[in-house]
Amino acid sequence: PPIKEMCNVNDVVYRLNQLFYHELKQRNIQTSLNLSQDAIMVNIDINQFEQVISNILKNAMEALNNNGKIEIITTLSPSKLIIRNNGRPIGAEIQKKLFSPFFSTKKNGQGVGLTLIREILNNHNFTFSLETTSESLTEFHINFKVDTT
């Protein structure tokens, strides 16, 4: 179960973007941060939330392989985080299975990354989605709910 504390989502996103900076640069992947001017204070388990963002970023980098773009967006009203990339789109059949345990589209994948993300976000009572838009951008949305526990 999560051990929650109040945290600014923008700070976590910025810190993880810095952590991945060198790998992104090596792969020639451009990142842009479009973060809310206002702090997005959410009651979360910071370590678990960092794991979620790390897994989403790793998946985005793998979808891009090399030479692509990742955009990270936060909004205050409604409070949400969007991580989008212009890599390989997700087909409709694959999308239905994405959060199933042990399902993977990767050659050596074990299918636990998105399952872990789902578990953590569900334990925080956050809603989320992962899909490819009509503009061929793959977007992971996390919608934060006010939680005072």
N, C-alpha and C. Protein backbone atom coordinates (compact mmCIF):
# COMPACT_ATOMS: atom_id res chain seq x y z
N PRO A 1 0.83 -1.21 0.00
CA PRO A 1 0.00 0.00 0.00
C PRO A 1 0.86 1.26 0.00
N PRO A 2 0.35 2.31 -0.61
CA PRO A 2 1.13 3.55 -0.69
C PRO A 2 1.29 4.22 0.68
N ILE A 3 2.46 4.80 0.89
CA ILE A 3 2.73 5.64 2.05
C ILE A 3 2.74 7.06 1.51
N LYS A 4 1.63 7.77 1.71
CA LYS A 4 1.41 9.03 1.00
C LYS A 4 1.89 10.24 1.78
N GLU A 5 2.31 11.24 0.99
CA GLU A 5 2.63 12.56 1.51
C GLU A 5 2.34 13.58 0.41
N MET A 6 2.12 14.80 0.81
CA MET A 6 1.84 15.85 -0.17
C MET A 6 3.10 16.14 -0.97
N CYS A 7 2.90 16.25 -2.28
CA CYS A 7 4.04 16.44 -3.17
C CYS A 7 3.58 17.23 -4.39
N ASN A 8 4.48 18.03 -4.93
CA ASN A 8 4.22 18.76 -6.16
C ASN A 8 4.59 17.86 -7.35
N VAL A 9 3.62 17.47 -8.14
CA VAL A 9 3.84 16.60 -9.29
C VAL A 9 4.89 17.19 -10.23
N ASN A 10 4.86 18.50 -10.41
CA ASN A 10 5.84 19.15 -11.30
C ASN A 10 7.27 18.89 -10.86
N ASP A 11 7.51 18.88 -9.55
CA ASP A 11 8.86 18.61 -9.04
C ASP A 11 9.31 17.20 -9.39
N VAL A 12 8.42 16.23 -9.26
CA VAL A 12 8.75 14.83 -9.58
C VAL A 12 9.05 14.71 -11.07
N VAL A 13 8.21 15.30 -11.89
CA VAL A 13 8.40 15.23 -13.35
C VAL A 13 9.74 15.87 -13.73
N TYR A 14 10.02 17.03 -13.19
CA TYR A 14 11.27 17.73 -13.52
C TYR A 14 12.48 16.89 -13.12
N ARG A 15 12.44 16.34 -11.90
CA ARG A 15 13.55 15.52 -11.39
C ARG A 15 13.79 14.29 -12.27
N LEU A 16 12.72 13.61 -12.68
CA LEU A 16 12.87 12.42 -13.52
C LEU A 16 13.31 12.78 -14.94
N ASN A 17 12.87 13.90 -15.44
CA ASN A 17 13.34 14.35 -16.75
C ASN A 17 14.86 14.58 -16.70
N GLN A 18 15.34 15.15 -15.62
CA GLN A 18 16.79 15.34 -15.44
C GLN A 18 17.51 13.99 -15.35
N LEU A 19 16.91 13.04 -14.66
CA LEU A 19 17.51 11.72 -14.50
C LEU A 19 17.70 11.03 -15.84
N PHE A 20 16.74 11.18 -16.75
CA PHE A 20 16.79 10.53 -18.06
C PHE A 20 17.49 11.39 -19.12
N TYR A 21 17.95 12.57 -18.75
CA TYR A 21 18.49 13.53 -19.72
C TYR A 21 19.55 12.92 -20.65
N HIS A 22 20.54 12.26 -20.08
CA HIS A 22 21.65 11.75 -20.90
C HIS A 22 21.21 10.65 -21.85
N GLU A 23 20.35 9.75 -21.36
CA GLU A 23 19.86 8.69 -22.24
C GLU A 23 19.02 9.26 -23.37
N LEU A 24 18.19 10.23 -23.06
CA LEU A 24 17.38 10.87 -24.09
C LEU A 24 18.26 11.56 -25.13
N LYS A 25 19.28 12.24 -24.66
CA LYS A 25 20.20 12.94 -25.57
C LYS A 25 20.94 11.93 -26.46
N GLN A 26 21.40 10.83 -25.86
CA GLN A 26 22.09 9.78 -26.63
C GLN A 26 21.21 9.23 -27.74
N ARG A 27 19.93 9.09 -27.46
CA ARG A 27 19.00 8.52 -28.43
C ARG A 27 18.44 9.58 -29.38
N ASN A 28 18.88 10.81 -29.23
CA ASN A 28 18.40 11.92 -30.05
C ASN A 28 16.88 12.09 -29.91
N ILE A 29 16.41 11.97 -28.67
CA ILE A 29 14.99 12.16 -28.37
C ILE A 29 14.84 13.53 -27.71
N GLN A 30 14.02 14.36 -28.31
CA GLN A 30 13.75 15.69 -27.77
C GLN A 30 12.65 15.59 -26.73
N THR A 31 12.82 16.31 -25.63
CA THR A 31 11.75 16.36 -24.63
C THR A 31 11.35 17.81 -24.43
N SER A 32 10.07 17.98 -24.18
CA SER A 32 9.59 19.30 -23.81
C SER A 32 8.71 19.15 -22.59
N LEU A 33 8.92 20.06 -21.66
CA LEU A 33 8.12 20.10 -20.44
C LEU A 33 7.17 21.29 -20.53
N ASN A 34 5.90 21.00 -20.51
CA ASN A 34 4.87 22.05 -20.47
C ASN A 34 4.12 21.88 -19.16
N LEU A 35 4.75 22.38 -18.10
CA LEU A 35 4.22 22.17 -16.76
C LEU A 35 3.40 23.36 -16.31
N SER A 36 2.38 23.07 -15.55
CA SER A 36 1.52 24.10 -14.99
C SER A 36 2.36 25.12 -14.23
N GLN A 37 2.00 26.39 -14.37
CA GLN A 37 2.68 27.44 -13.63
C GLN A 37 2.48 27.26 -12.13
N ASP A 38 1.32 26.74 -11.77
CA ASP A 38 0.98 26.52 -10.37
C ASP A 38 1.39 25.13 -9.95
N ALA A 39 1.73 24.99 -8.69
CA ALA A 39 2.07 23.68 -8.15
C ALA A 39 0.84 22.76 -8.21
N ILE A 40 1.09 21.52 -8.53
CA ILE A 40 0.01 20.52 -8.52
C ILE A 40 0.27 19.62 -7.32
N MET A 41 -0.34 19.95 -6.22
CA MET A 41 -0.11 19.24 -4.97
C MET A 41 -1.04 18.04 -4.88
N VAL A 42 -0.43 16.87 -4.75
CA VAL A 42 -1.18 15.62 -4.72
C VAL A 42 -0.63 14.77 -3.58
N ASN A 43 -1.51 14.05 -2.93
CA ASN A 43 -1.14 13.15 -1.85
C ASN A 43 -0.75 11.81 -2.46
N ILE A 44 0.57 11.54 -2.55
CA ILE A 44 1.04 10.34 -3.24
C ILE A 44 2.19 9.69 -2.47
N ASP A 45 2.43 8.44 -2.82
CA ASP A 45 3.65 7.76 -2.40
C ASP A 45 4.70 8.15 -3.44
N ILE A 46 5.63 8.99 -3.06
CA ILE A 46 6.57 9.57 -4.02
C ILE A 46 7.39 8.48 -4.72
N ASN A 47 7.87 7.50 -3.97
CA ASN A 47 8.67 6.44 -4.58
C ASN A 47 7.87 5.66 -5.61
N GLN A 48 6.63 5.34 -5.28
CA GLN A 48 5.79 4.61 -6.23
C GLN A 48 5.47 5.47 -7.45
N PHE A 49 5.21 6.74 -7.22
CA PHE A 49 4.88 7.62 -8.34
C PHE A 49 6.09 7.81 -9.25
N GLU A 50 7.28 7.90 -8.68
CA GLU A 50 8.49 7.98 -9.49
C GLU A 50 8.64 6.72 -10.35
N GLN A 51 8.28 5.57 -9.80
CA GLN A 51 8.35 4.31 -10.56
C GLN A 51 7.38 4.36 -11.74
N VAL A 52 6.19 4.91 -11.52
CA VAL A 52 5.20 5.04 -12.59
C VAL A 52 5.75 5.92 -13.72
N ILE A 53 6.23 7.11 -13.36
CA ILE A 53 6.73 8.03 -14.38
C ILE A 53 7.95 7.43 -15.10
N SER A 54 8.83 6.79 -14.36
CA SER A 54 10.00 6.15 -14.97
C SER A 54 9.59 5.10 -15.99
N ASN A 55 8.63 4.26 -15.63
CA ASN A 55 8.17 3.21 -16.55
C ASN A 55 7.52 3.80 -17.79
N ILE A 56 6.73 4.85 -17.61
CA ILE A 56 6.08 5.49 -18.76
C ILE A 56 7.14 6.10 -19.68
N LEU A 57 8.13 6.76 -19.10
CA LEU A 57 9.19 7.36 -19.92
C LEU A 57 10.01 6.29 -20.65
N LYS A 58 10.32 5.20 -19.97
CA LYS A 58 11.06 4.11 -20.62
C LYS A 58 10.26 3.53 -21.78
N ASN A 59 8.95 3.33 -21.56
CA ASN A 59 8.11 2.82 -22.65
C ASN A 59 8.08 3.79 -23.83
N ALA A 60 8.00 5.08 -23.52
CA ALA A 60 7.99 6.09 -24.60
C ALA A 60 9.30 6.06 -25.37
N MET A 61 10.41 5.93 -24.66
CA MET A 61 11.71 5.88 -25.34
C MET A 61 11.81 4.63 -26.21
N GLU A 62 11.30 3.52 -25.73
CA GLU A 62 11.34 2.29 -26.52
C GLU A 62 10.44 2.40 -27.75
N ALA A 63 9.32 3.07 -27.61
CA ALA A 63 8.42 3.26 -28.76
C ALA A 63 9.08 4.13 -29.83
N LEU A 64 9.93 5.04 -29.38
CA LEU A 64 10.62 5.94 -30.31
C LEU A 64 11.89 5.32 -30.87
N ASN A 65 12.49 4.42 -30.11
CA ASN A 65 13.79 3.85 -30.43
C ASN A 65 14.82 4.98 -30.42
N ASN A 66 14.96 5.69 -31.50
CA ASN A 66 15.84 6.86 -31.59
C ASN A 66 15.13 7.91 -32.43
N ASN A 67 15.51 9.17 -32.22
CA ASN A 67 14.97 10.26 -33.03
C ASN A 67 13.45 10.42 -32.89
N GLY A 68 13.03 11.05 -31.87
CA GLY A 68 11.61 11.32 -31.70
C GLY A 68 11.40 12.42 -30.67
N LYS A 69 10.15 12.55 -30.26
CA LYS A 69 9.79 13.60 -29.31
C LYS A 69 8.92 13.04 -28.20
N ILE A 70 9.20 13.49 -26.99
CA ILE A 70 8.37 13.20 -25.83
C ILE A 70 7.97 14.54 -25.23
N GLU A 71 6.69 14.69 -24.97
CA GLU A 71 6.19 15.92 -24.34
C GLU A 71 5.52 15.53 -23.03
N ILE A 72 5.86 16.27 -21.98
CA ILE A 72 5.26 16.04 -20.67
C ILE A 72 4.49 17.29 -20.29
N ILE A 73 3.21 17.08 -20.00
CA ILE A 73 2.29 18.19 -19.74
C ILE A 73 1.64 17.98 -18.37
N THR A 74 1.53 19.03 -17.59
CA THR A 74 0.70 18.99 -16.39
C THR A 74 -0.29 20.14 -16.44
N THR A 75 -1.47 19.88 -15.93
CA THR A 75 -2.49 20.93 -15.82
C THR A 75 -3.06 20.90 -14.41
N LEU A 76 -3.43 22.07 -13.95
CA LEU A 76 -3.97 22.18 -12.59
C LEU A 76 -5.47 21.92 -12.55
N SER A 77 -6.19 22.42 -13.55
CA SER A 77 -7.64 22.27 -13.52
C SER A 77 -8.13 21.82 -14.89
N PRO A 78 -8.40 20.55 -15.07
CA PRO A 78 -8.32 19.49 -14.06
C PRO A 78 -6.87 19.09 -13.81
N SER A 79 -6.61 18.57 -12.62
CA SER A 79 -5.26 18.14 -12.25
C SER A 79 -4.92 16.86 -12.98
N LYS A 80 -3.96 16.96 -13.91
CA LYS A 80 -3.57 15.77 -14.65
C LYS A 80 -2.17 15.88 -15.19
N LEU A 81 -1.65 14.72 -15.57
CA LEU A 81 -0.34 14.58 -16.19
C LEU A 81 -0.53 13.84 -17.49
N ILE A 82 0.10 14.33 -18.55
CA ILE A 82 0.06 13.68 -19.85
C ILE A 82 1.50 13.51 -20.31
N ILE A 83 1.84 12.30 -20.71
CA ILE A 83 3.13 12.04 -21.32
C ILE A 83 2.82 11.50 -22.71
N ARG A 84 3.27 12.24 -23.75
CA ARG A 84 2.96 11.84 -25.12
C ARG A 84 4.24 11.71 -25.93
N ASN A 85 4.17 10.82 -26.92
CA ASN A 85 5.31 10.65 -27.81
C ASN A 85 4.82 10.41 -29.22
N ASN A 86 5.73 10.61 -30.17
CA ASN A 86 5.37 10.42 -31.58
C ASN A 86 5.98 9.13 -32.15
N GLY A 87 6.09 8.11 -31.29
CA GLY A 87 6.63 6.82 -31.72
C GLY A 87 5.58 5.94 -32.35
N ARG A 88 5.89 4.64 -32.39
CA ARG A 88 4.97 3.67 -32.98
C ARG A 88 3.58 3.78 -32.34
N PRO A 89 2.54 3.84 -33.15
CA PRO A 89 1.19 3.88 -32.59
C PRO A 89 0.80 2.53 -31.99
N ILE A 90 -0.18 2.58 -31.11
CA ILE A 90 -0.70 1.36 -30.48
C ILE A 90 -1.95 0.96 -31.24
N GLY A 91 -1.96 -0.25 -31.78
CA GLY A 91 -3.12 -0.75 -32.51
C GLY A 91 -4.27 -1.07 -31.57
N ALA A 92 -5.47 -1.11 -32.10
CA ALA A 92 -6.68 -1.33 -31.30
C ALA A 92 -6.65 -2.67 -30.56
N GLU A 93 -6.19 -3.73 -31.22
CA GLU A 93 -6.14 -5.05 -30.58
C GLU A 93 -5.14 -5.07 -29.43
N ILE A 94 -4.01 -4.44 -29.64
CA ILE A 94 -2.99 -4.40 -28.58
C ILE A 94 -3.47 -3.54 -27.43
N GLN A 95 -4.14 -2.45 -27.73
CA GLN A 95 -4.61 -1.54 -26.68
C GLN A 95 -5.51 -2.25 -25.67
N LYS A 96 -6.32 -3.19 -26.15
CA LYS A 96 -7.22 -3.93 -25.26
C LYS A 96 -6.47 -4.77 -24.23
N LYS A 97 -5.23 -5.15 -24.55
CA LYS A 97 -4.47 -6.07 -23.70
C LYS A 97 -3.37 -5.39 -22.89
N LEU A 98 -3.16 -4.11 -23.08
CA LEU A 98 -1.99 -3.43 -22.53
C LEU A 98 -1.77 -3.62 -21.03
N PHE A 99 -2.81 -3.57 -20.24
CA PHE A 99 -2.64 -3.63 -18.80
C PHE A 99 -2.87 -5.04 -18.25
N SER A 100 -2.89 -6.04 -19.14
CA SER A 100 -3.04 -7.43 -18.73
C SER A 100 -1.70 -7.96 -18.23
N PRO A 101 -1.71 -8.69 -17.10
CA PRO A 101 -0.46 -9.25 -16.60
C PRO A 101 0.20 -10.15 -17.64
N PHE A 102 1.50 -10.00 -17.77
CA PHE A 102 2.36 -10.83 -18.62
C PHE A 102 2.15 -10.62 -20.11
N PHE A 103 1.38 -9.61 -20.51
CA PHE A 103 1.25 -9.29 -21.93
C PHE A 103 2.33 -8.28 -22.28
N SER A 104 3.05 -8.56 -23.37
CA SER A 104 4.09 -7.64 -23.82
C SER A 104 4.18 -7.68 -25.34
N THR A 105 4.50 -6.54 -25.91
CA THR A 105 4.75 -6.48 -27.35
C THR A 105 6.25 -6.50 -27.62
N LYS A 106 7.05 -6.50 -26.57
CA LYS A 106 8.50 -6.47 -26.71
C LYS A 106 9.05 -7.89 -26.79
N LYS A 107 10.07 -8.04 -27.59
CA LYS A 107 10.67 -9.36 -27.82
C LYS A 107 11.05 -10.04 -26.50
N ASN A 108 11.69 -9.32 -25.61
CA ASN A 108 12.12 -9.89 -24.33
C ASN A 108 11.33 -9.32 -23.16
N GLY A 109 10.15 -8.76 -23.45
CA GLY A 109 9.34 -8.17 -22.39
C GLY A 109 8.65 -9.21 -21.54
N GLN A 110 8.43 -8.85 -20.28
CA GLN A 110 7.77 -9.77 -19.34
C GLN A 110 6.34 -9.35 -19.03
N GLY A 111 5.95 -8.16 -19.48
CA GLY A 111 4.57 -7.74 -19.28
C GLY A 111 4.23 -7.36 -17.85
N VAL A 112 5.21 -6.81 -17.13
CA VAL A 112 4.92 -6.41 -15.75
C VAL A 112 4.92 -4.90 -15.56
N GLY A 113 5.53 -4.13 -16.49
CA GLY A 113 5.63 -2.68 -16.32
C GLY A 113 4.29 -1.99 -16.25
N LEU A 114 3.44 -2.21 -17.23
CA LEU A 114 2.12 -1.55 -17.23
C LEU A 114 1.21 -2.12 -16.16
N THR A 115 1.41 -3.38 -15.82
CA THR A 115 0.63 -3.98 -14.72
C THR A 115 0.98 -3.29 -13.41
N LEU A 116 2.27 -3.04 -13.19
CA LEU A 116 2.72 -2.34 -11.99
C LEU A 116 2.16 -0.91 -11.97
N ILE A 117 2.22 -0.23 -13.10
CA ILE A 117 1.67 1.12 -13.20
C ILE A 117 0.18 1.11 -12.83
N ARG A 118 -0.56 0.17 -13.41
CA ARG A 118 -1.99 0.07 -13.13
C ARG A 118 -2.24 -0.11 -11.64
N GLU A 119 -1.48 -1.01 -11.03
CA GLU A 119 -1.66 -1.29 -9.60
C GLU A 119 -1.39 -0.05 -8.75
N ILE A 120 -0.30 0.63 -9.02
CA ILE A 120 0.05 1.83 -8.24
C ILE A 120 -1.01 2.92 -8.42
N LEU A 121 -1.40 3.18 -9.66
CA LEU A 121 -2.39 4.24 -9.90
C LEU A 121 -3.75 3.89 -9.31
N ASN A 122 -4.15 2.62 -9.39
CA ASN A 122 -5.40 2.20 -8.75
C ASN A 122 -5.33 2.36 -7.24
N ASN A 123 -4.18 2.04 -6.64
CA ASN A 123 -4.03 2.19 -5.18
C ASN A 123 -4.07 3.65 -4.75
N HIS A 124 -3.83 4.55 -5.67
CA HIS A 124 -3.92 5.98 -5.39
C HIS A 124 -5.29 6.56 -5.80
N ASN A 125 -6.15 5.73 -6.34
CA ASN A 125 -7.47 6.17 -6.81
C ASN A 125 -7.37 7.19 -7.94
N PHE A 126 -6.35 7.06 -8.78
CA PHE A 126 -6.20 7.92 -9.95
C PHE A 126 -6.76 7.17 -11.16
N THR A 127 -7.42 7.89 -12.05
CA THR A 127 -7.83 7.27 -13.30
C THR A 127 -6.74 7.53 -14.33
N PHE A 128 -6.67 6.67 -15.33
CA PHE A 128 -5.60 6.78 -16.31
C PHE A 128 -6.02 6.12 -17.61
N SER A 129 -5.30 6.48 -18.67
CA SER A 129 -5.54 5.85 -19.98
C SER A 129 -4.25 5.90 -20.79
N LEU A 130 -4.17 4.99 -21.73
CA LEU A 130 -3.05 4.94 -22.66
C LEU A 130 -3.61 4.62 -24.02
N GLU A 131 -3.41 5.54 -24.96
CA GLU A 131 -3.94 5.32 -26.30
C GLU A 131 -3.21 6.19 -27.31
N THR A 132 -3.36 5.79 -28.57
CA THR A 132 -2.83 6.59 -29.66
C THR A 132 -3.95 7.46 -30.19
N THR A 133 -3.66 8.75 -30.33
CA THR A 133 -4.67 9.71 -30.77
C THR A 133 -4.80 9.69 -32.29
N SER A 134 -5.78 10.43 -32.78
CA SER A 134 -5.97 10.55 -34.23
C SER A 134 -4.79 11.27 -34.89
N GLU A 135 -4.00 12.01 -34.09
CA GLU A 135 -2.81 12.68 -34.61
C GLU A 135 -1.58 11.78 -34.56
N SER A 136 -1.78 10.48 -34.28
CA SER A 136 -0.70 9.49 -34.18
C SER A 136 0.28 9.77 -33.05
N LEU A 137 -0.20 10.39 -31.99
CA LEU A 137 0.59 10.58 -30.78
C LEU A 137 0.10 9.57 -29.74
N THR A 138 1.02 8.90 -29.10
CA THR A 138 0.63 7.98 -28.04
C THR A 138 0.68 8.76 -26.74
N GLU A 139 -0.45 8.74 -26.01
CA GLU A 139 -0.58 9.55 -24.80
C GLU A 139 -0.94 8.68 -23.60
N PHE A 140 -0.22 8.91 -22.51
CA PHE A 140 -0.56 8.32 -21.23
C PHE A 140 -1.10 9.45 -20.37
N HIS A 141 -2.36 9.34 -19.96
CA HIS A 141 -3.01 10.35 -19.11
C HIS A 141 -3.16 9.81 -17.71
N ILE A 142 -2.83 10.63 -16.72
CA ILE A 142 -3.11 10.32 -15.31
C ILE A 142 -3.92 11.46 -14.77
N ASN A 143 -5.11 11.16 -14.29
CA ASN A 143 -6.01 12.15 -13.72
C ASN A 143 -5.94 12.03 -12.20
N PHE A 144 -5.51 13.10 -11.54
CA PHE A 144 -5.36 13.11 -10.09
C PHE A 144 -6.68 13.46 -9.43
N LYS A 145 -6.92 12.83 -8.32
CA LYS A 145 -8.11 13.15 -7.53
C LYS A 145 -7.63 13.70 -6.20
N VAL A 146 -8.39 14.62 -5.66
CA VAL A 146 -8.06 15.16 -4.36
C VAL A 146 -8.25 14.05 -3.34
N ASP A 147 -7.21 13.81 -2.56
CA ASP A 147 -7.22 12.72 -1.58
C ASP A 147 -6.61 13.25 -0.31
N THR A 148 -7.38 13.27 0.74
CA THR A 148 -6.88 13.83 2.00
C THR A 148 -6.40 12.76 2.97
N THR A 149 -6.31 11.49 2.51
CA THR A 149 -5.87 10.44 3.44
C THR A 149 -4.38 10.26 3.38
